[in-house]
Amino acid sequence: MVADRIAISPSVLSAHAEQVEQLATDVTVALDAVRGINLGGGAFGVMCAWMVPPALAASTLVISHIEQAQRVLHHTSEQLVGMADDFRAVEDNTTATVDQLLKNVESLPAPARGGTGSVFSPGVLE
């Protein structure tokens, strides 16, 4: 079912962008941890030398996917910020336009604002 009213809040979009950017930061921490793995050193490297090449190949693929996720999250955050800025600009422009229209109507002589001899139909502004 379609909502009766759709409301877009630039502040909610901005807050969501901050949360997405925090996720990107968390992914950076995970990426640093994966890059810091050293399978070839110490006793493990000696005992399980046969496992190191496949594990390194897999970790390269994992790192590539994590880097892509990080890029997507950064891009999403930037786009959310841009969308919030756009909605703020539209809202500010609309408010300024309506304010100017109200000033223009208020500056009309009294009869033109709905009194006797009004340019408006009776009851339209009531």
N, C-alpha and C. Protein backbone atom coordinates (compact mmCIF):
# COMPACT_ATOMS: atom_id res chain seq x y z
N MET A 1 0.85 -1.18 0.00
CA MET A 1 0.00 0.00 0.00
C MET A 1 0.89 1.24 0.00
N VAL A 2 0.49 2.22 -0.75
CA VAL A 2 1.25 3.45 -0.85
C VAL A 2 1.00 4.30 0.40
N ALA A 3 2.06 4.89 0.90
CA ALA A 3 1.93 5.74 2.09
C ALA A 3 1.13 6.98 1.75
N ASP A 4 0.40 7.48 2.74
CA ASP A 4 -0.37 8.71 2.55
C ASP A 4 0.56 9.90 2.36
N ARG A 5 1.71 9.83 2.98
CA ARG A 5 2.62 10.97 2.95
C ARG A 5 4.05 10.45 2.95
N ILE A 6 4.86 10.98 2.08
CA ILE A 6 6.28 10.63 2.07
C ILE A 6 7.03 11.84 2.60
N ALA A 7 7.81 11.64 3.62
CA ALA A 7 8.58 12.73 4.22
C ALA A 7 10.06 12.38 4.12
N ILE A 8 10.82 13.32 3.60
CA ILE A 8 12.26 13.13 3.50
C ILE A 8 12.92 14.15 4.41
N SER A 9 13.68 13.67 5.34
CA SER A 9 14.35 14.54 6.30
C SER A 9 15.84 14.60 6.01
N PRO A 10 16.34 15.76 5.61
CA PRO A 10 17.78 15.88 5.36
C PRO A 10 18.62 15.51 6.58
N SER A 11 18.13 15.81 7.77
CA SER A 11 18.92 15.48 8.97
C SER A 11 18.99 13.98 9.18
N VAL A 12 17.92 13.26 8.84
CA VAL A 12 17.95 11.79 8.95
C VAL A 12 18.90 11.22 7.91
N LEU A 13 18.86 11.77 6.69
CA LEU A 13 19.80 11.32 5.65
C LEU A 13 21.24 11.56 6.08
N SER A 14 21.50 12.72 6.65
CA SER A 14 22.87 13.03 7.10
C SER A 14 23.31 12.09 8.21
N ALA A 15 22.39 11.80 9.14
CA ALA A 15 22.72 10.87 10.23
C ALA A 15 23.00 9.47 9.67
N HIS A 16 22.22 9.07 8.67
CA HIS A 16 22.44 7.76 8.06
C HIS A 16 23.79 7.74 7.34
N ALA A 17 24.13 8.84 6.68
CA ALA A 17 25.43 8.92 5.99
C ALA A 17 26.57 8.75 7.00
N GLU A 18 26.43 9.33 8.18
CA GLU A 18 27.45 9.17 9.22
C GLU A 18 27.57 7.72 9.66
N GLN A 19 26.43 7.03 9.77
CA GLN A 19 26.46 5.62 10.15
C GLN A 19 27.12 4.76 9.08
N VAL A 20 26.83 5.06 7.82
CA VAL A 20 27.44 4.31 6.73
C VAL A 20 28.95 4.56 6.70
N GLU A 21 29.34 5.81 6.93
CA GLU A 21 30.78 6.13 6.96
C GLU A 21 31.46 5.42 8.13
N GLN A 22 30.76 5.27 9.26
CA GLN A 22 31.32 4.52 10.38
C GLN A 22 31.53 3.06 10.00
N LEU A 23 30.59 2.50 9.24
CA LEU A 23 30.76 1.13 8.75
C LEU A 23 32.00 1.03 7.87
N ALA A 24 32.22 2.04 7.01
CA ALA A 24 33.41 2.03 6.16
C ALA A 24 34.67 2.07 7.00
N THR A 25 34.65 2.81 8.09
CA THR A 25 35.79 2.87 9.01
C THR A 25 36.01 1.50 9.66
N ASP A 26 34.92 0.84 10.05
CA ASP A 26 35.03 -0.50 10.64
C ASP A 26 35.60 -1.49 9.63
N VAL A 27 35.21 -1.35 8.38
CA VAL A 27 35.75 -2.22 7.33
C VAL A 27 37.25 -1.98 7.17
N THR A 28 37.68 -0.74 7.33
CA THR A 28 39.11 -0.42 7.26
C THR A 28 39.88 -1.16 8.35
N VAL A 29 39.31 -1.22 9.54
CA VAL A 29 39.93 -1.95 10.65
C VAL A 29 40.04 -3.43 10.29
N ALA A 30 38.97 -4.00 9.74
CA ALA A 30 38.99 -5.41 9.34
C ALA A 30 40.02 -5.64 8.24
N LEU A 31 40.09 -4.72 7.31
CA LEU A 31 41.04 -4.84 6.21
C LEU A 31 42.48 -4.82 6.73
N ASP A 32 42.76 -3.93 7.66
CA ASP A 32 44.10 -3.88 8.26
C ASP A 32 44.43 -5.18 8.98
N ALA A 33 43.42 -5.77 9.63
CA ALA A 33 43.64 -7.04 10.34
C ALA A 33 43.96 -8.16 9.35
N VAL A 34 43.23 -8.22 8.26
CA VAL A 34 43.48 -9.27 7.26
C VAL A 34 44.86 -9.09 6.64
N ARG A 35 45.21 -7.84 6.36
CA ARG A 35 46.53 -7.58 5.77
C ARG A 35 47.66 -7.92 6.74
N GLY A 36 47.37 -7.91 8.04
CA GLY A 36 48.40 -8.16 9.04
C GLY A 36 48.65 -9.63 9.32
N ILE A 37 47.89 -10.51 8.70
CA ILE A 37 48.06 -11.95 8.93
C ILE A 37 49.37 -12.41 8.29
N ASN A 38 50.17 -13.14 9.08
CA ASN A 38 51.44 -13.68 8.58
C ASN A 38 51.43 -15.19 8.79
N LEU A 39 51.05 -15.90 7.75
CA LEU A 39 50.97 -17.36 7.86
C LEU A 39 52.33 -18.03 7.72
N GLY A 40 53.29 -17.35 7.11
CA GLY A 40 54.57 -17.97 6.82
C GLY A 40 55.55 -17.95 7.97
N GLY A 41 55.29 -17.19 9.00
CA GLY A 41 56.26 -17.06 10.08
C GLY A 41 56.03 -18.02 11.23
N GLY A 42 57.06 -18.25 12.00
CA GLY A 42 56.97 -19.04 13.23
C GLY A 42 56.71 -20.51 12.99
N ALA A 43 56.31 -21.20 14.07
CA ALA A 43 56.10 -22.64 14.03
C ALA A 43 54.99 -23.03 13.06
N PHE A 44 53.95 -22.21 12.97
CA PHE A 44 52.85 -22.52 12.06
C PHE A 44 53.36 -22.60 10.63
N GLY A 45 54.17 -21.62 10.25
CA GLY A 45 54.72 -21.59 8.89
C GLY A 45 55.55 -22.80 8.57
N VAL A 46 56.25 -23.35 9.57
CA VAL A 46 57.09 -24.53 9.35
C VAL A 46 56.22 -25.78 9.28
N MET A 47 55.30 -25.92 10.23
CA MET A 47 54.46 -27.13 10.30
C MET A 47 53.42 -27.19 9.18
N CYS A 48 52.91 -26.07 8.78
CA CYS A 48 51.82 -26.04 7.80
C CYS A 48 52.21 -25.31 6.53
N ALA A 49 53.45 -25.49 6.11
CA ALA A 49 53.95 -24.79 4.93
C ALA A 49 53.12 -25.11 3.69
N TRP A 50 52.55 -26.30 3.64
CA TRP A 50 51.74 -26.70 2.50
C TRP A 50 50.45 -25.88 2.39
N MET A 51 50.00 -25.30 3.53
CA MET A 51 48.76 -24.54 3.58
C MET A 51 48.93 -23.07 3.21
N VAL A 52 50.16 -22.59 3.30
CA VAL A 52 50.39 -21.15 3.12
C VAL A 52 50.00 -20.66 1.72
N PRO A 53 50.45 -21.27 0.63
CA PRO A 53 50.09 -20.74 -0.71
C PRO A 53 48.58 -20.66 -0.97
N PRO A 54 47.79 -21.72 -0.66
CA PRO A 54 46.34 -21.58 -0.89
C PRO A 54 45.71 -20.51 0.02
N ALA A 55 46.19 -20.44 1.25
CA ALA A 55 45.65 -19.43 2.17
C ALA A 55 45.97 -18.03 1.69
N LEU A 56 47.19 -17.82 1.18
CA LEU A 56 47.55 -16.50 0.66
C LEU A 56 46.72 -16.15 -0.56
N ALA A 57 46.45 -17.12 -1.42
CA ALA A 57 45.61 -16.87 -2.59
C ALA A 57 44.20 -16.48 -2.17
N ALA A 58 43.68 -17.20 -1.18
CA ALA A 58 42.33 -16.89 -0.68
C ALA A 58 42.31 -15.52 0.00
N SER A 59 43.35 -15.22 0.77
CA SER A 59 43.37 -13.93 1.47
C SER A 59 43.47 -12.76 0.48
N THR A 60 44.15 -12.97 -0.64
CA THR A 60 44.21 -11.92 -1.66
C THR A 60 42.82 -11.64 -2.21
N LEU A 61 42.06 -12.69 -2.45
CA LEU A 61 40.69 -12.53 -2.93
C LEU A 61 39.82 -11.86 -1.87
N VAL A 62 39.96 -12.29 -0.63
CA VAL A 62 39.20 -11.69 0.47
C VAL A 62 39.53 -10.21 0.61
N ILE A 63 40.80 -9.87 0.55
CA ILE A 63 41.21 -8.46 0.65
C ILE A 63 40.59 -7.65 -0.47
N SER A 64 40.58 -8.19 -1.67
CA SER A 64 39.99 -7.50 -2.82
C SER A 64 38.51 -7.21 -2.59
N HIS A 65 37.78 -8.18 -2.06
CA HIS A 65 36.35 -8.00 -1.80
C HIS A 65 36.11 -7.00 -0.66
N ILE A 66 36.92 -7.06 0.35
CA ILE A 66 36.77 -6.12 1.47
C ILE A 66 37.06 -4.69 0.99
N GLU A 67 38.09 -4.54 0.14
CA GLU A 67 38.40 -3.21 -0.40
C GLU A 67 37.23 -2.67 -1.23
N GLN A 68 36.60 -3.56 -2.00
CA GLN A 68 35.44 -3.15 -2.81
C GLN A 68 34.29 -2.73 -1.89
N ALA A 69 34.05 -3.49 -0.84
CA ALA A 69 32.99 -3.13 0.11
C ALA A 69 33.29 -1.77 0.74
N GLN A 70 34.53 -1.52 1.07
CA GLN A 70 34.93 -0.25 1.65
C GLN A 70 34.65 0.90 0.68
N ARG A 71 35.01 0.72 -0.60
CA ARG A 71 34.75 1.75 -1.61
C ARG A 71 33.26 2.01 -1.77
N VAL A 72 32.46 0.95 -1.77
CA VAL A 72 31.01 1.09 -1.92
C VAL A 72 30.44 1.87 -0.73
N LEU A 73 30.89 1.55 0.47
CA LEU A 73 30.38 2.25 1.65
C LEU A 73 30.76 3.73 1.63
N HIS A 74 32.00 4.03 1.27
CA HIS A 74 32.41 5.44 1.17
C HIS A 74 31.56 6.17 0.13
N HIS A 75 31.38 5.54 -1.02
CA HIS A 75 30.59 6.15 -2.10
C HIS A 75 29.14 6.37 -1.66
N THR A 76 28.56 5.38 -0.99
CA THR A 76 27.18 5.49 -0.50
C THR A 76 27.06 6.65 0.48
N SER A 77 28.01 6.77 1.39
CA SER A 77 27.99 7.86 2.36
C SER A 77 28.05 9.21 1.65
N GLU A 78 28.94 9.33 0.67
CA GLU A 78 29.06 10.59 -0.08
C GLU A 78 27.76 10.92 -0.81
N GLN A 79 27.12 9.91 -1.38
CA GLN A 79 25.88 10.14 -2.12
C GLN A 79 24.74 10.53 -1.17
N LEU A 80 24.70 9.94 0.01
CA LEU A 80 23.69 10.31 1.00
C LEU A 80 23.86 11.76 1.45
N VAL A 81 25.11 12.17 1.66
CA VAL A 81 25.38 13.56 2.04
C VAL A 81 24.93 14.50 0.92
N GLY A 82 25.25 14.14 -0.32
CA GLY A 82 24.83 14.95 -1.46
C GLY A 82 23.32 15.04 -1.57
N MET A 83 22.62 13.92 -1.34
CA MET A 83 21.16 13.92 -1.40
C MET A 83 20.59 14.81 -0.30
N ALA A 84 21.14 14.71 0.89
CA ALA A 84 20.66 15.56 1.99
C ALA A 84 20.87 17.04 1.66
N ASP A 85 22.03 17.37 1.10
CA ASP A 85 22.30 18.75 0.71
C ASP A 85 21.32 19.23 -0.36
N ASP A 86 21.02 18.36 -1.32
CA ASP A 86 20.06 18.71 -2.38
C ASP A 86 18.67 18.96 -1.81
N PHE A 87 18.23 18.08 -0.91
CA PHE A 87 16.90 18.27 -0.31
C PHE A 87 16.86 19.55 0.53
N ARG A 88 17.94 19.84 1.25
CA ARG A 88 17.99 21.10 2.00
C ARG A 88 17.87 22.30 1.07
N ALA A 89 18.59 22.25 -0.05
CA ALA A 89 18.55 23.36 -1.01
C ALA A 89 17.15 23.53 -1.58
N VAL A 90 16.49 22.43 -1.94
CA VAL A 90 15.12 22.52 -2.47
C VAL A 90 14.18 23.09 -1.41
N GLU A 91 14.33 22.61 -0.19
CA GLU A 91 13.48 23.09 0.90
C GLU A 91 13.71 24.57 1.15
N ASP A 92 14.97 25.00 1.18
CA ASP A 92 15.27 26.42 1.39
C ASP A 92 14.73 27.27 0.25
N ASN A 93 14.87 26.80 -0.99
CA ASN A 93 14.39 27.54 -2.15
C ASN A 93 12.86 27.63 -2.12
N THR A 94 12.20 26.53 -1.79
CA THR A 94 10.74 26.52 -1.72
C THR A 94 10.25 27.47 -0.63
N THR A 95 10.90 27.44 0.53
CA THR A 95 10.52 28.33 1.62
C THR A 95 10.70 29.79 1.21
N ALA A 96 11.81 30.10 0.58
CA ALA A 96 12.06 31.48 0.14
C ALA A 96 11.03 31.92 -0.89
N THR A 97 10.65 31.04 -1.80
CA THR A 97 9.66 31.37 -2.83
C THR A 97 8.29 31.62 -2.20
N VAL A 98 7.88 30.75 -1.29
CA VAL A 98 6.59 30.92 -0.61
C VAL A 98 6.60 32.20 0.22
N ASP A 99 7.68 32.46 0.94
CA ASP A 99 7.78 33.69 1.72
C ASP A 99 7.65 34.92 0.84
N GLN A 100 8.31 34.89 -0.33
CA GLN A 100 8.22 36.03 -1.25
C GLN A 100 6.80 36.19 -1.79
N LEU A 101 6.15 35.07 -2.12
CA LEU A 101 4.77 35.14 -2.58
C LEU A 101 3.85 35.73 -1.51
N LEU A 102 4.05 35.32 -0.27
CA LEU A 102 3.24 35.86 0.82
C LEU A 102 3.47 37.36 0.98
N LYS A 103 4.71 37.80 0.88
CA LYS A 103 5.00 39.23 0.97
C LYS A 103 4.32 39.99 -0.16
N ASN A 104 4.35 39.39 -1.37
CA ASN A 104 3.71 40.04 -2.51
C ASN A 104 2.21 40.16 -2.31
N VAL A 105 1.56 39.10 -1.80
CA VAL A 105 0.12 39.13 -1.55
C VAL A 105 -0.20 40.14 -0.45
N GLU A 106 0.62 40.16 0.60
CA GLU A 106 0.38 41.09 1.71
C GLU A 106 0.56 42.54 1.29
N SER A 107 1.35 42.78 0.24
CA SER A 107 1.57 44.16 -0.19
C SER A 107 0.47 44.68 -1.12
N LEU A 108 -0.46 43.80 -1.53
CA LEU A 108 -1.57 44.23 -2.37
C LEU A 108 -2.53 45.09 -1.57
N PRO A 109 -3.23 46.03 -2.21
CA PRO A 109 -4.24 46.83 -1.49
C PRO A 109 -5.32 45.90 -0.93
N ALA A 110 -5.95 46.32 0.13
CA ALA A 110 -6.93 45.50 0.85
C ALA A 110 -8.01 44.90 -0.04
N PRO A 111 -8.64 45.63 -0.96
CA PRO A 111 -9.68 44.99 -1.78
C PRO A 111 -9.14 43.83 -2.61
N ALA A 112 -7.90 43.89 -3.03
CA ALA A 112 -7.34 42.82 -3.85
C ALA A 112 -7.05 41.58 -3.03
N ARG A 113 -7.06 41.72 -1.69
CA ARG A 113 -6.78 40.58 -0.83
C ARG A 113 -8.05 39.89 -0.36
N GLY A 114 -9.19 40.20 -0.94
CA GLY A 114 -10.40 39.45 -0.58
C GLY A 114 -11.53 40.33 -0.07
N GLY A 115 -11.33 41.62 0.02
CA GLY A 115 -12.41 42.52 0.46
C GLY A 115 -13.38 42.73 -0.68
N THR A 116 -14.21 43.75 -0.57
CA THR A 116 -15.18 44.07 -1.61
C THR A 116 -14.45 44.37 -2.91
N GLY A 117 -14.93 43.83 -3.99
CA GLY A 117 -14.28 44.04 -5.28
C GLY A 117 -13.01 43.22 -5.42
N SER A 118 -12.94 42.10 -4.72
CA SER A 118 -11.75 41.27 -4.72
C SER A 118 -11.50 40.63 -6.08
N VAL A 119 -10.24 40.39 -6.39
CA VAL A 119 -9.89 39.65 -7.60
C VAL A 119 -10.09 38.16 -7.36
N PHE A 120 -10.30 37.77 -6.10
CA PHE A 120 -10.54 36.37 -5.77
C PHE A 120 -12.03 36.10 -5.71
N SER A 121 -12.43 34.89 -6.02
CA SER A 121 -13.84 34.52 -5.90
C SER A 121 -14.23 34.46 -4.44
N PRO A 122 -15.47 34.82 -4.12
CA PRO A 122 -15.90 34.76 -2.71
C PRO A 122 -15.73 33.36 -2.14
N GLY A 123 -15.23 33.29 -0.96
CA GLY A 123 -15.09 32.02 -0.25
C GLY A 123 -13.86 31.21 -0.61
N VAL A 124 -13.10 31.61 -1.59
CA VAL A 124 -11.93 30.83 -2.00
C VAL A 124 -10.87 30.85 -0.93
N LEU A 125 -10.66 32.00 -0.31
CA LEU A 125 -9.59 32.12 0.69
C LEU A 125 -10.10 31.84 2.10
N GLU A 126 -11.33 31.46 2.25
CA GLU A 126 -11.88 31.23 3.60
C GLU A 126 -11.66 29.80 4.01
